[in-house]
Amino acid sequence: MWFDLRMVELGRLKVFFCCLLLTSLSISVARAGELHRLAVVGVANKTGEGEFSNLLIAQGIAQVVAQELYDAGGFLPVEDNPEITGRINELLALSAQVGSGEAESEKALSSGKVPGCEALATVKIVKFSKSRSRGGIGPFSSAKVEIAVEVEVSLKDGEKPVVSAQGKGTGITKSQSVLFEVRKDKVNFDQTTAGQATLEAVKAAVAKLPRS
């Protein structure tokens, strides 16, 4: 009798855990269905700093914006369709060019129409500054460079109007040479002061975006 009762309890536990697993999977599937497929279609450099017009840097910033919007909830970056990502990369390359290249990405943002996407975003580097100062006295003095980055993130979600917000990031470094570290065609934003300031600015801008 004791053996039979134990088998019954084990059976109940199996049923319980199976139900729990199915519920978790159902919630995940439902959440995935609620997420709007997002593409960042433009990174425009409005500053005099040429490194922000580098296509690799622009693509890296676009990925950061997409990740921040995903973390904020409601969006899923488009990554699994080569045809769609090819068009997105084309728009990014145009927006990174100095001059009229930005117009195409702005046009796509205003219309909200890129095949396979329900939400579109762009980012502008609106300000970049470096100010040098010297701290300490005599032989113990050292030069420091304060870096500031300001960005504007714009978002078009479905039929809703475009919303925009700005964010600022700062940092202090002793180096004036490398703004961004690139290894194997990947930008490591957390490895330089300018990269960290850019991350901070994007995070602040996304956090300020009005959400309905």
C-alpha atoms as a PDB file:
ATOM      1  CA  MET A   1       0.000   0.000   0.000  1.00  0.00           C
ATOM      2  CA  TRP A   2       2.801   2.352   0.892  1.00  0.00           C
ATOM      3  CA  PHE A   3       4.436   1.576  -2.473  1.00  0.00           C
ATOM      4  CA  ASP A   4       1.216   2.369  -4.343  1.00  0.00           C
ATOM      5  CA  LEU A   5       0.816   5.713  -2.542  1.00  0.00           C
ATOM      6  CA  ARG A   6       4.367   6.698  -3.377  1.00  0.00           C
ATOM      7  CA  MET A   7       3.821   5.873  -7.059  1.00  0.00           C
ATOM      8  CA  VAL A   8       0.649   7.986  -7.049  1.00  0.00           C
ATOM      9  CA  GLU A   9       2.546  10.947  -5.560  1.00  0.00           C
ATOM     10  CA  LEU A  10       5.325  10.567  -8.125  1.00  0.00           C
ATOM     11  CA  GLY A  11       2.725  10.514 -10.867  1.00  0.00           C
ATOM     12  CA  ARG A  12       1.162  13.704  -9.562  1.00  0.00           C
ATOM     13  CA  LEU A  13       4.544  15.417  -9.437  1.00  0.00           C
ATOM     14  CA  LYS A  14       5.236  14.470 -13.059  1.00  0.00           C
ATOM     15  CA  VAL A  15       1.885  15.869 -14.147  1.00  0.00           C
ATOM     16  CA  PHE A  16       2.537  19.068 -12.165  1.00  0.00           C
ATOM     17  CA  PHE A  17       5.945  19.668 -13.732  1.00  0.00           C
ATOM     18  CA  CYS A  18       4.632  18.890 -17.228  1.00  0.00           C
ATOM     19  CA  CYS A  19       1.863  21.470 -16.745  1.00  0.00           C
ATOM     20  CA  LEU A  20       4.381  23.996 -15.436  1.00  0.00           C
ATOM     21  CA  LEU A  21       6.627  23.465 -18.472  1.00  0.00           C
ATOM     22  CA  LEU A  22       3.726  23.795 -20.907  1.00  0.00           C
ATOM     23  CA  THR A  23       2.563  26.985 -19.205  1.00  0.00           C
ATOM     24  CA  SER A  24       6.064  28.481 -19.413  1.00  0.00           C
ATOM     25  CA  LEU A  25       6.317  27.599 -23.104  1.00  0.00           C
ATOM     26  CA  SER A  26       2.885  29.068 -23.786  1.00  0.00           C
ATOM     27  CA  ILE A  27       3.849  32.342 -22.101  1.00  0.00           C
ATOM     28  CA  SER A  28       7.091  32.512 -24.127  1.00  0.00           C
ATOM     29  CA  VAL A  29       5.250  31.886 -27.397  1.00  0.00           C
ATOM     30  CA  ALA A  30       2.590  34.469 -26.518  1.00  0.00           C
ATOM     31  CA  ARG A  31       5.248  37.054 -25.623  1.00  0.00           C
ATOM     32  CA  ALA A  32       7.084  36.405 -28.896  1.00  0.00           C
ATOM     33  CA  GLY A  33       3.807  36.975 -30.737  1.00  0.00           C
ATOM     34  CA  GLU A  34       3.307  40.326 -29.003  1.00  0.00           C
ATOM     35  CA  LEU A  35       6.755  41.670 -29.885  1.00  0.00           C
ATOM     36  CA  HIS A  36       6.984  44.001 -32.888  1.00  0.00           C
ATOM     37  CA  ARG A  37       9.780  43.146 -35.299  1.00  0.00           C
ATOM     38  CA  LEU A  38      12.249  46.057 -35.162  1.00  0.00           C
ATOM     39  CA  ALA A  39      14.884  47.386 -37.532  1.00  0.00           C
ATOM     40  CA  VAL A  40      17.292  50.265 -36.894  1.00  0.00           C
ATOM     41  CA  VAL A  41      17.551  51.810 -40.355  1.00  0.00           C
ATOM     42  CA  GLY A  42      19.787  54.821 -39.824  1.00  0.00           C
ATOM     43  CA  VAL A  43      22.772  56.103 -37.838  1.00  0.00           C
ATOM     44  CA  ALA A  44      23.542  59.691 -38.843  1.00  0.00           C
ATOM     45  CA  ASN A  45      26.637  61.550 -37.721  1.00  0.00           C
ATOM     46  CA  LYS A  46      25.845  65.224 -37.051  1.00  0.00           C
ATOM     47  CA  THR A  47      29.223  65.922 -35.451  1.00  0.00           C
ATOM     48  CA  GLY A  48      32.631  66.726 -36.853  1.00  0.00           C
ATOM     49  CA  GLU A  49      34.086  63.445 -35.556  1.00  0.00           C
ATOM     50  CA  GLY A  50      34.717  61.187 -38.542  1.00  0.00           C
ATOM     51  CA  GLU A  51      34.810  57.902 -36.621  1.00  0.00           C
ATOM     52  CA  PHE A  52      31.034  58.018 -36.141  1.00  0.00           C
ATOM     53  CA  SER A  53      30.681  57.840 -39.946  1.00  0.00           C
ATOM     54  CA  ASN A  54      32.638  54.579 -40.064  1.00  0.00           C
ATOM     55  CA  LEU A  55      30.185  51.903 -41.247  1.00  0.00           C
ATOM     56  CA  LEU A  56      31.348  49.368 -38.642  1.00  0.00           C
ATOM     57  CA  ILE A  57      30.833  51.917 -35.865  1.00  0.00           C
ATOM     58  CA  ALA A  58      27.410  52.852 -37.282  1.00  0.00           C
ATOM     59  CA  GLN A  59      26.353  49.194 -37.440  1.00  0.00           C
ATOM     60  CA  GLY A  60      27.585  48.680 -33.884  1.00  0.00           C
ATOM     61  CA  ILE A  61      25.559  51.656 -32.621  1.00  0.00           C
ATOM     62  CA  ALA A  62      22.497  50.339 -34.478  1.00  0.00           C
ATOM     63  CA  GLN A  63      22.873  46.998 -32.696  1.00  0.00           C
ATOM     64  CA  VAL A  64      23.151  48.775 -29.344  1.00  0.00           C
ATOM     65  CA  VAL A  65      19.922  50.715 -30.021  1.00  0.00           C
ATOM     66  CA  ALA A  66      18.124  47.536 -31.102  1.00  0.00           C
ATOM     67  CA  GLN A  67      19.272  45.715 -27.954  1.00  0.00           C
ATOM     68  CA  GLU A  68      18.182  48.572 -25.677  1.00  0.00           C
ATOM     69  CA  LEU A  69      14.728  48.676 -27.294  1.00  0.00           C
ATOM     70  CA  TYR A  70      14.449  44.900 -26.931  1.00  0.00           C
ATOM     71  CA  ASP A  71      15.444  45.117 -23.259  1.00  0.00           C
ATOM     72  CA  ALA A  72      12.868  47.870 -22.747  1.00  0.00           C
ATOM     73  CA  GLY A  73      10.198  45.438 -23.948  1.00  0.00           C
ATOM     74  CA  GLY A  74       7.846  45.187 -26.905  1.00  0.00           C
ATOM     75  CA  PHE A  75      10.387  44.773 -29.722  1.00  0.00           C
ATOM     76  CA  LEU A  76      12.301  41.944 -31.371  1.00  0.00           C
ATOM     77  CA  PRO A  77      15.303  42.879 -33.575  1.00  0.00           C
ATOM     78  CA  VAL A  78      15.133  41.448 -37.098  1.00  0.00           C
ATOM     79  CA  GLU A  79      18.084  39.106 -37.565  1.00  0.00           C
ATOM     80  CA  ASP A  80      16.848  35.925 -39.259  1.00  0.00           C
ATOM     81  CA  ASN A  81      15.916  37.095 -42.773  1.00  0.00           C
ATOM     82  CA  PRO A  82      18.868  37.829 -45.108  1.00  0.00           C
ATOM     83  CA  GLU A  83      16.656  39.767 -47.537  1.00  0.00           C
ATOM     84  CA  ILE A  84      15.377  42.094 -44.813  1.00  0.00           C
ATOM     85  CA  THR A  85      18.759  42.526 -43.108  1.00  0.00           C
ATOM     86  CA  GLY A  86      20.319  43.230 -46.496  1.00  0.00           C
ATOM     87  CA  ARG A  87      17.951  46.171 -47.013  1.00  0.00           C
ATOM     88  CA  ILE A  88      18.574  47.384 -43.458  1.00  0.00           C
ATOM     89  CA  ASN A  89      22.353  47.302 -43.971  1.00  0.00           C
ATOM     90  CA  GLU A  90      21.899  49.229 -47.218  1.00  0.00           C
ATOM     91  CA  LEU A  91      19.966  51.956 -45.384  1.00  0.00           C
ATOM     92  CA  LEU A  92      22.579  52.038 -42.609  1.00  0.00           C
ATOM     93  CA  ALA A  93      25.386  52.426 -45.135  1.00  0.00           C
ATOM     94  CA  LEU A  94      23.543  55.324 -46.800  1.00  0.00           C
ATOM     95  CA  SER A  95      22.808  57.048 -43.497  1.00  0.00           C
ATOM     96  CA  ALA A  96      26.461  56.818 -42.440  1.00  0.00           C
ATOM     97  CA  GLN A  97      27.526  58.758 -45.529  1.00  0.00           C
ATOM     98  CA  VAL A  98      28.123  62.467 -45.133  1.00  0.00           C
ATOM     99  CA  GLY A  99      25.557  64.421 -47.135  1.00  0.00           C
ATOM    100  CA  SER A 100      22.187  63.287 -48.482  1.00  0.00           C
ATOM    101  CA  GLY A 101      22.527  59.594 -47.609  1.00  0.00           C
ATOM    102  CA  GLU A 102      20.501  60.150 -44.443  1.00  0.00           C
ATOM    103  CA  ALA A 103      17.390  60.998 -46.466  1.00  0.00           C
ATOM    104  CA  GLU A 104      16.619  57.392 -47.381  1.00  0.00           C
ATOM    105  CA  SER A 105      16.581  56.185 -43.767  1.00  0.00           C
ATOM    106  CA  GLU A 106      14.497  59.197 -42.683  1.00  0.00           C
ATOM    107  CA  LYS A 107      12.057  58.466 -45.488  1.00  0.00           C
ATOM    108  CA  ALA A 108      11.777  54.841 -44.371  1.00  0.00           C
ATOM    109  CA  LEU A 109      11.263  55.940 -40.758  1.00  0.00           C
ATOM    110  CA  SER A 110       8.518  58.438 -41.632  1.00  0.00           C
ATOM    111  CA  SER A 111       6.643  55.936 -43.783  1.00  0.00           C
ATOM    112  CA  GLY A 112       7.231  53.097 -41.332  1.00  0.00           C
ATOM    113  CA  LYS A 113       7.583  50.752 -44.283  1.00  0.00           C
ATOM    114  CA  VAL A 114      10.368  48.198 -44.440  1.00  0.00           C
ATOM    115  CA  PRO A 115       9.186  44.710 -45.437  1.00  0.00           C
ATOM    116  CA  GLY A 116       9.028  42.312 -42.497  1.00  0.00           C
ATOM    117  CA  CYS A 117       9.189  45.024 -39.812  1.00  0.00           C
ATOM    118  CA  GLU A 118       6.468  46.534 -37.633  1.00  0.00           C
ATOM    119  CA  ALA A 119       8.761  49.060 -35.935  1.00  0.00           C
ATOM    120  CA  LEU A 120      11.644  51.202 -37.206  1.00  0.00           C
ATOM    121  CA  ALA A 121      14.242  53.312 -35.417  1.00  0.00           C
ATOM    122  CA  THR A 122      17.025  55.722 -36.274  1.00  0.00           C
ATOM    123  CA  VAL A 123      19.742  57.347 -34.198  1.00  0.00           C
ATOM    124  CA  LYS A 124      21.612  60.611 -34.677  1.00  0.00           C
ATOM    125  CA  ILE A 125      24.920  61.458 -33.055  1.00  0.00           C
ATOM    126  CA  VAL A 126      24.045  65.086 -32.361  1.00  0.00           C
ATOM    127  CA  LYS A 127      27.075  66.121 -30.304  1.00  0.00           C
ATOM    128  CA  PHE A 128      30.583  64.903 -29.549  1.00  0.00           C
ATOM    129  CA  SER A 129      33.119  66.855 -27.544  1.00  0.00           C
ATOM    130  CA  LYS A 130      36.560  66.385 -26.006  1.00  0.00           C
ATOM    131  CA  SER A 131      37.927  68.789 -23.425  1.00  0.00           C
ATOM    132  CA  ARG A 132      41.440  68.488 -22.051  1.00  0.00           C
ATOM    133  CA  SER A 133      42.322  69.432 -18.483  1.00  0.00           C
ATOM    134  CA  ARG A 134      45.279  68.948 -16.159  1.00  0.00           C
ATOM    135  CA  GLY A 135      44.887  67.859 -12.550  1.00  0.00           C
ATOM    136  CA  GLY A 136      47.376  67.784  -9.679  1.00  0.00           C
ATOM    137  CA  ILE A 137      50.383  69.963  -8.967  1.00  0.00           C
ATOM    138  CA  GLY A 138      53.936  69.889 -10.291  1.00  0.00           C
ATOM    139  CA  PRO A 139      55.415  66.482 -11.198  1.00  0.00           C
ATOM    140  CA  PHE A 140      52.254  64.740  -9.975  1.00  0.00           C
ATOM    141  CA  SER A 141      49.997  66.525 -12.456  1.00  0.00           C
ATOM    142  CA  SER A 142      48.386  64.528 -15.258  1.00  0.00           C
ATOM    143  CA  ALA A 143      46.345  65.402 -18.315  1.00  0.00           C
ATOM    144  CA  LYS A 144      42.774  64.138 -18.579  1.00  0.00           C
ATOM    145  CA  VAL A 145      40.340  64.235 -21.463  1.00  0.00           C
ATOM    146  CA  GLU A 146      36.616  64.496 -20.781  1.00  0.00           C
ATOM    147  CA  ILE A 147      34.450  63.000 -23.506  1.00  0.00           C
ATOM    148  CA  ALA A 148      30.752  63.746 -23.997  1.00  0.00           C
ATOM    149  CA  VAL A 149      28.380  62.083 -26.475  1.00  0.00           C
ATOM    150  CA  GLU A 150      24.782  63.088 -27.144  1.00  0.00           C
ATOM    151  CA  VAL A 151      22.427  61.043 -29.298  1.00  0.00           C
ATOM    152  CA  GLU A 152      18.835  61.270 -30.466  1.00  0.00           C
ATOM    153  CA  VAL A 153      16.851  58.065 -30.930  1.00  0.00           C
ATOM    154  CA  SER A 154      13.656  58.145 -33.008  1.00  0.00           C
ATOM    155  CA  LEU A 155      11.096  55.340 -33.070  1.00  0.00           C
ATOM    156  CA  LYS A 156       8.176  54.575 -35.375  1.00  0.00           C
ATOM    157  CA  ASP A 157       6.026  51.782 -33.941  1.00  0.00           C
ATOM    158  CA  GLY A 158       3.355  50.599 -36.357  1.00  0.00           C
ATOM    159  CA  GLU A 159       0.808  53.300 -37.192  1.00  0.00           C
ATOM    160  CA  LYS A 160       1.806  55.470 -34.233  1.00  0.00           C
ATOM    161  CA  PRO A 161       3.562  58.788 -34.891  1.00  0.00           C
ATOM    162  CA  VAL A 162       7.352  59.017 -34.693  1.00  0.00           C
ATOM    163  CA  VAL A 163       8.651  59.735 -31.178  1.00  0.00           C
ATOM    164  CA  SER A 164      12.156  60.944 -30.325  1.00  0.00           C
ATOM    165  CA  ALA A 165      14.311  61.429 -27.246  1.00  0.00           C
ATOM    166  CA  GLN A 166      17.874  62.518 -26.535  1.00  0.00           C
ATOM    167  CA  GLY A 167      20.406  61.081 -24.127  1.00  0.00           C
ATOM    168  CA  LYS A 168      23.893  62.032 -23.000  1.00  0.00           C
ATOM    169  CA  GLY A 169      26.893  60.020 -21.880  1.00  0.00           C
ATOM    170  CA  THR A 170      30.217  61.206 -20.483  1.00  0.00           C
ATOM    171  CA  GLY A 171      33.551  59.789 -19.438  1.00  0.00           C
ATOM    172  CA  ILE A 172      37.124  60.738 -18.545  1.00  0.00           C
ATOM    173  CA  THR A 173      40.225  59.187 -20.072  1.00  0.00           C
ATOM    174  CA  LYS A 174      43.963  59.836 -20.276  1.00  0.00           C
ATOM    175  CA  SER A 175      44.095  58.795 -23.931  1.00  0.00           C
ATOM    176  CA  GLN A 176      43.340  60.989 -26.939  1.00  0.00           C
ATOM    177  CA  SER A 177      43.934  58.432 -29.641  1.00  0.00           C
ATOM    178  CA  VAL A 178      41.443  55.558 -29.953  1.00  0.00           C
ATOM    179  CA  LEU A 179      37.752  56.371 -29.651  1.00  0.00           C
ATOM    180  CA  PHE A 180      36.445  52.878 -30.414  1.00  0.00           C
ATOM    181  CA  GLU A 181      38.021  49.452 -30.250  1.00  0.00           C
ATOM    182  CA  VAL A 182      37.248  47.151 -33.185  1.00  0.00           C
ATOM    183  CA  ARG A 183      38.256  43.488 -33.147  1.00  0.00           C
ATOM    184  CA  LYS A 184      37.277  40.966 -35.802  1.00  0.00           C
ATOM    185  CA  ASP A 185      34.793  43.422 -37.323  1.00  0.00           C
ATOM    186  CA  LYS A 186      33.062  43.896 -33.969  1.00  0.00           C
ATOM    187  CA  VAL A 187      32.968  47.129 -31.957  1.00  0.00           C
ATOM    188  CA  ASN A 188      33.757  46.621 -28.278  1.00  0.00           C
ATOM    189  CA  PHE A 189      32.021  49.685 -26.846  1.00  0.00           C
ATOM    190  CA  ASP A 190      32.859  48.795 -23.262  1.00  0.00           C
ATOM    191  CA  GLN A 191      36.616  48.892 -23.913  1.00  0.00           C
ATOM    192  CA  THR A 192      37.008  52.645 -24.493  1.00  0.00           C
ATOM    193  CA  THR A 193      35.727  55.777 -22.776  1.00  0.00           C
ATOM    194  CA  ALA A 194      34.040  57.048 -25.958  1.00  0.00           C
ATOM    195  CA  GLY A 195      32.375  53.675 -26.411  1.00  0.00           C
ATOM    196  CA  GLN A 196      31.104  53.654 -22.832  1.00  0.00           C
ATOM    197  CA  ALA A 197      29.816  57.218 -23.213  1.00  0.00           C
ATOM    198  CA  THR A 198      27.971  56.184 -26.388  1.00  0.00           C
ATOM    199  CA  LEU A 199      26.373  53.231 -24.584  1.00  0.00           C
ATOM    200  CA  GLU A 200      25.309  55.528 -21.743  1.00  0.00           C
ATOM    201  CA  ALA A 201      23.836  58.071 -24.168  1.00  0.00           C
ATOM    202  CA  VAL A 202      21.826  55.437 -26.084  1.00  0.00           C
ATOM    203  CA  LYS A 203      20.525  53.884 -22.870  1.00  0.00           C
ATOM    204  CA  ALA A 204      19.422  57.307 -21.580  1.00  0.00           C
ATOM    205  CA  ALA A 205      17.684  58.214 -24.854  1.00  0.00           C
ATOM    206  CA  VAL A 206      15.773  54.917 -25.083  1.00  0.00           C
ATOM    207  CA  ALA A 207      14.694  55.262 -21.464  1.00  0.00           C
ATOM    208  CA  LYS A 208      13.169  58.669 -22.259  1.00  0.00           C
ATOM    209  CA  LEU A 209      11.154  57.502 -25.273  1.00  0.00           C
ATOM    210  CA  PRO A 210       7.417  57.845 -24.551  1.00  0.00           C
ATOM    211  CA  ARG A 211       5.758  54.423 -24.479  1.00  0.00           C
ATOM    212  CA  SER A 212       2.036  53.834 -24.801  1.00  0.00           C
END
